[in-house]
Amino acid sequence: MRLRSLALLGAGGWALYRLTQQLGRPAGVEPVRPFSLTRYLGRWYEIARIDHSYEHGLTNTSADYRPLPGGRVQVVNRGYHPASGRWREARATASPVTGAAGAAQLQVSFFWPVRASYIVFALDDDYQHALVSGPTHDYLWLLSRTPQIRPSVRATLLEQARAAGFDTGRLLWVDQRRNTAGLRGDLPRRKLPR
């Protein structure tokens, strides 16, 4: 009886662990190759997203990527919550996916043991605009180095997202007025190496 209980507990633990590992890649989404993580570091502004629970209600959202030892990256997501009048911040650690050298595919973890895919599937040559997917078509971000983008860039990114199977009608366009006005708080902007 005791052995059976241990086996059930172990199977339940393994199932729970597997549920926390959202490391898939949506059909039609291929990570950018070649990809330079060093060039990707720095600040990105969220132009649009498919809304989800952990960013719901936030405006002026941005993400800062900073190098950590061992090839890992610290991710600091920040956004303004108008209802509370406060900035909110979440920190995560990202690591390149094993066996995907040179590809824009990371695993992001905000807390152990939960990990999720982070796939850059569109990126201009100057690393100024990007499309990022999570593990399913329910996660999509349009990112830019600036809080505003030109209409032609927006149109190109939307077409690339649709071609990858995303319902772009679900996108929430992020209010970046606080960032545009220079009221970004204490996170510095930095020029990226080439």
C-alpha atoms as a PDB file:
ATOM      1  CA  MET A   1       0.000   0.000   0.000  1.00  0.00           C
ATOM      2  CA  ARG A   2       2.795   2.381   0.885  1.00  0.00           C
ATOM      3  CA  LEU A   3       4.612   1.680  -2.399  1.00  0.00           C
ATOM      4  CA  ARG A   4       1.408   2.361  -4.333  1.00  0.00           C
ATOM      5  CA  SER A   5       0.954   5.710  -2.538  1.00  0.00           C
ATOM      6  CA  LEU A   6       4.534   6.702  -3.328  1.00  0.00           C
ATOM      7  CA  ALA A   7       4.045   5.736  -6.970  1.00  0.00           C
ATOM      8  CA  LEU A   8       0.851   7.799  -7.201  1.00  0.00           C
ATOM      9  CA  LEU A   9       2.512  10.743  -5.482  1.00  0.00           C
ATOM     10  CA  GLY A  10       5.481  10.516  -7.844  1.00  0.00           C
ATOM     11  CA  ALA A  11       3.227  10.283 -10.911  1.00  0.00           C
ATOM     12  CA  GLY A  12       1.195  13.256  -9.685  1.00  0.00           C
ATOM     13  CA  GLY A  13       4.344  15.292  -9.083  1.00  0.00           C
ATOM     14  CA  TRP A  14       5.669  14.440 -12.537  1.00  0.00           C
ATOM     15  CA  ALA A  15       2.347  15.418 -14.144  1.00  0.00           C
ATOM     16  CA  LEU A  16       2.318  18.724 -12.243  1.00  0.00           C
ATOM     17  CA  TYR A  17       5.904  19.418 -13.278  1.00  0.00           C
ATOM     18  CA  ARG A  18       5.075  18.703 -16.939  1.00  0.00           C
ATOM     19  CA  LEU A  19       2.136  21.146 -16.757  1.00  0.00           C
ATOM     20  CA  THR A  20       4.510  23.897 -15.622  1.00  0.00           C
ATOM     21  CA  GLN A  21       6.801  23.371 -18.621  1.00  0.00           C
ATOM     22  CA  GLN A  22       5.210  25.300 -21.497  1.00  0.00           C
ATOM     23  CA  LEU A  23       8.070  24.853 -23.916  1.00  0.00           C
ATOM     24  CA  GLY A  24       6.221  24.239 -27.166  1.00  0.00           C
ATOM     25  CA  ARG A  25       6.358  26.189 -30.395  1.00  0.00           C
ATOM     26  CA  PRO A  26       3.173  27.105 -32.292  1.00  0.00           C
ATOM     27  CA  ALA A  27       2.687  25.740 -35.809  1.00  0.00           C
ATOM     28  CA  GLY A  28       3.995  28.234 -38.364  1.00  0.00           C
ATOM     29  CA  VAL A  29       6.425  29.867 -35.930  1.00  0.00           C
ATOM     30  CA  GLU A  30      10.135  29.465 -36.625  1.00  0.00           C
ATOM     31  CA  PRO A  31      12.808  31.191 -34.529  1.00  0.00           C
ATOM     32  CA  VAL A  32      14.999  33.733 -36.286  1.00  0.00           C
ATOM     33  CA  ARG A  33      18.387  32.357 -37.409  1.00  0.00           C
ATOM     34  CA  PRO A  34      21.069  33.586 -37.102  1.00  0.00           C
ATOM     35  CA  PHE A  35      20.335  35.398 -33.861  1.00  0.00           C
ATOM     36  CA  SER A  36      22.629  37.475 -31.653  1.00  0.00           C
ATOM     37  CA  LEU A  37      21.441  37.504 -28.054  1.00  0.00           C
ATOM     38  CA  THR A  38      23.981  40.254 -27.326  1.00  0.00           C
ATOM     39  CA  ARG A  39      22.360  42.549 -29.914  1.00  0.00           C
ATOM     40  CA  TYR A  40      18.900  41.711 -28.546  1.00  0.00           C
ATOM     41  CA  LEU A  41      19.799  42.905 -25.027  1.00  0.00           C
ATOM     42  CA  GLY A  42      18.546  46.273 -23.806  1.00  0.00           C
ATOM     43  CA  ARG A  43      15.107  47.862 -23.698  1.00  0.00           C
ATOM     44  CA  TRP A  44      12.123  46.869 -25.825  1.00  0.00           C
ATOM     45  CA  TYR A  45       8.747  48.628 -25.741  1.00  0.00           C
ATOM     46  CA  GLU A  46       5.587  46.601 -26.102  1.00  0.00           C
ATOM     47  CA  ILE A  47       3.637  48.070 -29.009  1.00  0.00           C
ATOM     48  CA  ALA A  48       0.896  45.427 -28.975  1.00  0.00           C
ATOM     49  CA  ARG A  49       0.137  42.097 -27.316  1.00  0.00           C
ATOM     50  CA  ILE A  50      -2.471  39.412 -27.107  1.00  0.00           C
ATOM     51  CA  ASP A  51      -3.637  40.223 -23.601  1.00  0.00           C
ATOM     52  CA  HIS A  52      -3.145  37.725 -20.783  1.00  0.00           C
ATOM     53  CA  SER A  53      -3.621  37.645 -17.027  1.00  0.00           C
ATOM     54  CA  TYR A  54      -0.165  38.779 -15.908  1.00  0.00           C
ATOM     55  CA  GLU A  55      -0.170  41.968 -17.997  1.00  0.00           C
ATOM     56  CA  HIS A  56      -3.906  42.662 -17.937  1.00  0.00           C
ATOM     57  CA  GLY A  57      -4.657  46.334 -17.344  1.00  0.00           C
ATOM     58  CA  LEU A  58      -1.062  47.481 -17.795  1.00  0.00           C
ATOM     59  CA  THR A  59      -0.020  50.326 -20.085  1.00  0.00           C
ATOM     60  CA  ASN A  60       3.416  51.699 -20.959  1.00  0.00           C
ATOM     61  CA  THR A  61       4.861  48.188 -20.832  1.00  0.00           C
ATOM     62  CA  SER A  62       8.510  47.536 -21.573  1.00  0.00           C
ATOM     63  CA  ALA A  63      11.081  44.807 -21.048  1.00  0.00           C
ATOM     64  CA  ASP A  64      14.766  45.174 -20.275  1.00  0.00           C
ATOM     65  CA  TYR A  65      17.134  42.309 -21.068  1.00  0.00           C
ATOM     66  CA  ARG A  66      20.452  42.259 -19.193  1.00  0.00           C
ATOM     67  CA  PRO A  67      23.258  39.684 -19.369  1.00  0.00           C
ATOM     68  CA  LEU A  68      23.848  37.277 -16.495  1.00  0.00           C
ATOM     69  CA  PRO A  69      26.725  34.840 -15.967  1.00  0.00           C
ATOM     70  CA  GLY A  70      26.595  31.567 -17.870  1.00  0.00           C
ATOM     71  CA  GLY A  71      24.831  32.937 -20.941  1.00  0.00           C
ATOM     72  CA  ARG A  72      21.571  33.579 -19.099  1.00  0.00           C
ATOM     73  CA  VAL A  73      19.590  36.808 -19.288  1.00  0.00           C
ATOM     74  CA  GLN A  74      17.715  38.772 -16.640  1.00  0.00           C
ATOM     75  CA  VAL A  75      14.345  40.030 -17.908  1.00  0.00           C
ATOM     76  CA  VAL A  76      12.689  42.968 -16.159  1.00  0.00           C
ATOM     77  CA  ASN A  77       9.121  43.559 -17.357  1.00  0.00           C
ATOM     78  CA  ARG A  78       7.575  46.840 -16.320  1.00  0.00           C
ATOM     79  CA  GLY A  79       4.204  48.482 -16.853  1.00  0.00           C
ATOM     80  CA  TYR A  80       1.948  51.152 -15.445  1.00  0.00           C
ATOM     81  CA  HIS A  81      -1.339  50.188 -13.795  1.00  0.00           C
ATOM     82  CA  PRO A  82      -3.662  53.210 -14.231  1.00  0.00           C
ATOM     83  CA  ALA A  83      -6.288  51.913 -11.777  1.00  0.00           C
ATOM     84  CA  SER A  84      -3.771  51.865  -8.906  1.00  0.00           C
ATOM     85  CA  GLY A  85      -1.580  54.690 -10.174  1.00  0.00           C
ATOM     86  CA  ARG A  86       1.521  52.512  -9.723  1.00  0.00           C
ATOM     87  CA  TRP A  87       4.248  50.947 -11.792  1.00  0.00           C
ATOM     88  CA  ARG A  88       4.464  47.154 -11.611  1.00  0.00           C
ATOM     89  CA  GLU A  89       7.552  45.093 -12.246  1.00  0.00           C
ATOM     90  CA  ALA A  90       8.204  41.391 -12.748  1.00  0.00           C
ATOM     91  CA  ARG A  91      11.632  39.772 -13.016  1.00  0.00           C
ATOM     92  CA  ALA A  92      12.503  36.581 -14.829  1.00  0.00           C
ATOM     93  CA  THR A  93      15.498  34.631 -16.019  1.00  0.00           C
ATOM     94  CA  ALA A  94      15.856  33.473 -19.614  1.00  0.00           C
ATOM     95  CA  SER A  95      18.202  30.874 -21.057  1.00  0.00           C
ATOM     96  CA  PRO A  96      18.850  29.801 -24.640  1.00  0.00           C
ATOM     97  CA  VAL A  97      17.155  26.510 -25.501  1.00  0.00           C
ATOM     98  CA  THR A  98      19.575  23.593 -25.456  1.00  0.00           C
ATOM     99  CA  GLY A  99      20.249  22.308 -28.951  1.00  0.00           C
ATOM    100  CA  ALA A 100      18.988  25.509 -30.630  1.00  0.00           C
ATOM    101  CA  ALA A 101      22.328  27.304 -30.964  1.00  0.00           C
ATOM    102  CA  GLY A 102      22.069  30.405 -33.116  1.00  0.00           C
ATOM    103  CA  ALA A 103      18.269  30.404 -32.948  1.00  0.00           C
ATOM    104  CA  ALA A 104      16.103  33.045 -31.282  1.00  0.00           C
ATOM    105  CA  GLN A 105      14.452  30.611 -28.877  1.00  0.00           C
ATOM    106  CA  LEU A 106      14.681  31.027 -25.110  1.00  0.00           C
ATOM    107  CA  GLN A 107      13.125  29.497 -22.010  1.00  0.00           C
ATOM    108  CA  VAL A 108      11.808  32.093 -19.569  1.00  0.00           C
ATOM    109  CA  SER A 109      11.085  31.465 -15.900  1.00  0.00           C
ATOM    110  CA  PHE A 110       9.459  33.966 -13.550  1.00  0.00           C
ATOM    111  CA  PHE A 111       9.560  31.425 -10.707  1.00  0.00           C
ATOM    112  CA  TRP A 112      10.691  27.832 -10.315  1.00  0.00           C
ATOM    113  CA  PRO A 113       9.651  25.381 -11.722  1.00  0.00           C
ATOM    114  CA  VAL A 114       7.486  27.203 -14.287  1.00  0.00           C
ATOM    115  CA  ARG A 115       9.190  27.746 -17.658  1.00  0.00           C
ATOM    116  CA  ALA A 116       7.768  28.913 -20.969  1.00  0.00           C
ATOM    117  CA  SER A 117       8.948  29.367 -24.530  1.00  0.00           C
ATOM    118  CA  TYR A 118      10.026  32.776 -25.771  1.00  0.00           C
ATOM    119  CA  ILE A 119      10.493  32.702 -29.537  1.00  0.00           C
ATOM    120  CA  VAL A 120      11.581  35.684 -31.624  1.00  0.00           C
ATOM    121  CA  PHE A 121      10.163  34.796 -35.036  1.00  0.00           C
ATOM    122  CA  ALA A 122      10.515  38.122 -36.864  1.00  0.00           C
ATOM    123  CA  LEU A 123      13.344  40.598 -36.395  1.00  0.00           C
ATOM    124  CA  ASP A 124      14.688  43.339 -38.630  1.00  0.00           C
ATOM    125  CA  ASP A 125      18.391  43.460 -39.480  1.00  0.00           C
ATOM    126  CA  ASP A 126      19.001  46.402 -37.126  1.00  0.00           C
ATOM    127  CA  TYR A 127      17.294  44.713 -34.123  1.00  0.00           C
ATOM    128  CA  GLN A 128      14.768  47.555 -33.845  1.00  0.00           C
ATOM    129  CA  HIS A 129      11.449  45.686 -34.279  1.00  0.00           C
ATOM    130  CA  ALA A 130      10.496  42.137 -33.289  1.00  0.00           C
ATOM    131  CA  LEU A 131       7.625  39.675 -33.102  1.00  0.00           C
ATOM    132  CA  VAL A 132       7.727  37.308 -30.139  1.00  0.00           C
ATOM    133  CA  SER A 133       5.627  34.224 -29.515  1.00  0.00           C
ATOM    134  CA  GLY A 134       5.058  32.114 -26.452  1.00  0.00           C
ATOM    135  CA  PRO A 135       4.315  28.365 -26.515  1.00  0.00           C
ATOM    136  CA  THR A 136       0.949  28.756 -28.328  1.00  0.00           C
ATOM    137  CA  HIS A 137      -0.837  31.174 -30.653  1.00  0.00           C
ATOM    138  CA  ASP A 138      -2.379  32.738 -27.515  1.00  0.00           C
ATOM    139  CA  TYR A 139       0.864  34.628 -26.814  1.00  0.00           C
ATOM    140  CA  LEU A 140       2.119  37.329 -29.162  1.00  0.00           C
ATOM    141  CA  TRP A 141       4.059  40.558 -28.629  1.00  0.00           C
ATOM    142  CA  LEU A 142       5.025  43.276 -31.132  1.00  0.00           C
ATOM    143  CA  LEU A 143       8.153  44.941 -29.755  1.00  0.00           C
ATOM    144  CA  SER A 144      10.140  48.013 -30.711  1.00  0.00           C
ATOM    145  CA  ARG A 145      13.180  49.873 -29.427  1.00  0.00           C
ATOM    146  CA  THR A 146      11.024  53.012 -29.424  1.00  0.00           C
ATOM    147  CA  PRO A 147       7.557  53.561 -27.878  1.00  0.00           C
ATOM    148  CA  GLN A 148       6.090  54.434 -31.308  1.00  0.00           C
ATOM    149  CA  ILE A 149       6.468  52.778 -34.725  1.00  0.00           C
ATOM    150  CA  ARG A 150       5.800  53.922 -38.272  1.00  0.00           C
ATOM    151  CA  PRO A 151       2.580  52.690 -39.924  1.00  0.00           C
ATOM    152  CA  SER A 152       4.611  50.851 -42.591  1.00  0.00           C
ATOM    153  CA  VAL A 153       6.512  48.899 -39.899  1.00  0.00           C
ATOM    154  CA  ARG A 154       3.243  48.115 -38.130  1.00  0.00           C
ATOM    155  CA  ALA A 155       1.726  46.789 -41.370  1.00  0.00           C
ATOM    156  CA  THR A 156       4.768  44.585 -42.042  1.00  0.00           C
ATOM    157  CA  LEU A 157       4.735  43.124 -38.513  1.00  0.00           C
ATOM    158  CA  LEU A 158       0.997  42.430 -38.683  1.00  0.00           C
ATOM    159  CA  GLU A 159       1.395  40.623 -41.999  1.00  0.00           C
ATOM    160  CA  GLN A 160       4.241  38.502 -40.577  1.00  0.00           C
ATOM    161  CA  ALA A 161       2.131  37.633 -37.512  1.00  0.00           C
ATOM    162  CA  ARG A 162      -0.856  36.621 -39.664  1.00  0.00           C
ATOM    163  CA  ALA A 163       1.412  34.491 -41.874  1.00  0.00           C
ATOM    164  CA  ALA A 164       2.592  32.673 -38.714  1.00  0.00           C
ATOM    165  CA  GLY A 165      -1.016  31.809 -37.803  1.00  0.00           C
ATOM    166  CA  PHE A 166      -1.858  34.511 -35.242  1.00  0.00           C
ATOM    167  CA  ASP A 167      -5.274  36.159 -34.995  1.00  0.00           C
ATOM    168  CA  THR A 168      -4.110  39.775 -35.091  1.00  0.00           C
ATOM    169  CA  GLY A 169      -7.663  40.928 -34.332  1.00  0.00           C
ATOM    170  CA  ARG A 170      -6.977  39.854 -30.733  1.00  0.00           C
ATOM    171  CA  LEU A 171      -4.104  42.327 -30.344  1.00  0.00           C
ATOM    172  CA  LEU A 172      -4.302  44.990 -27.672  1.00  0.00           C
ATOM    173  CA  TRP A 173      -2.463  48.152 -28.756  1.00  0.00           C
ATOM    174  CA  VAL A 174      -0.507  49.394 -25.761  1.00  0.00           C
ATOM    175  CA  ASP A 175      -0.777  53.006 -24.622  1.00  0.00           C
ATOM    176  CA  GLN A 176       2.846  54.207 -24.456  1.00  0.00           C
ATOM    177  CA  ARG A 177       2.151  57.906 -23.726  1.00  0.00           C
ATOM    178  CA  ARG A 178       4.051  57.909 -20.419  1.00  0.00           C
ATOM    179  CA  ASN A 179       7.093  56.414 -22.135  1.00  0.00           C
ATOM    180  CA  THR A 180       6.752  58.762 -25.111  1.00  0.00           C
ATOM    181  CA  ALA A 181       6.644  61.737 -22.752  1.00  0.00           C
ATOM    182  CA  GLY A 182       9.855  60.561 -21.086  1.00  0.00           C
ATOM    183  CA  LEU A 183       8.173  59.571 -17.792  1.00  0.00           C
ATOM    184  CA  ARG A 184       9.673  56.100 -17.767  1.00  0.00           C
ATOM    185  CA  GLY A 185      10.875  55.975 -14.198  1.00  0.00           C
ATOM    186  CA  ASP A 186      14.310  54.763 -13.177  1.00  0.00           C
ATOM    187  CA  LEU A 187      15.164  52.244 -15.898  1.00  0.00           C
ATOM    188  CA  PRO A 188      17.855  53.724 -18.169  1.00  0.00           C
ATOM    189  CA  ARG A 189      17.802  53.396 -21.948  1.00  0.00           C
ATOM    190  CA  ARG A 190      21.036  52.233 -23.533  1.00  0.00           C
ATOM    191  CA  LYS A 191      22.487  51.985 -26.993  1.00  0.00           C
ATOM    192  CA  LEU A 192      23.088  48.432 -28.139  1.00  0.00           C
ATOM    193  CA  PRO A 193      26.349  47.084 -29.529  1.00  0.00           C
ATOM    194  CA  ARG A 194      26.395  46.035 -33.182  1.00  0.00           C
END
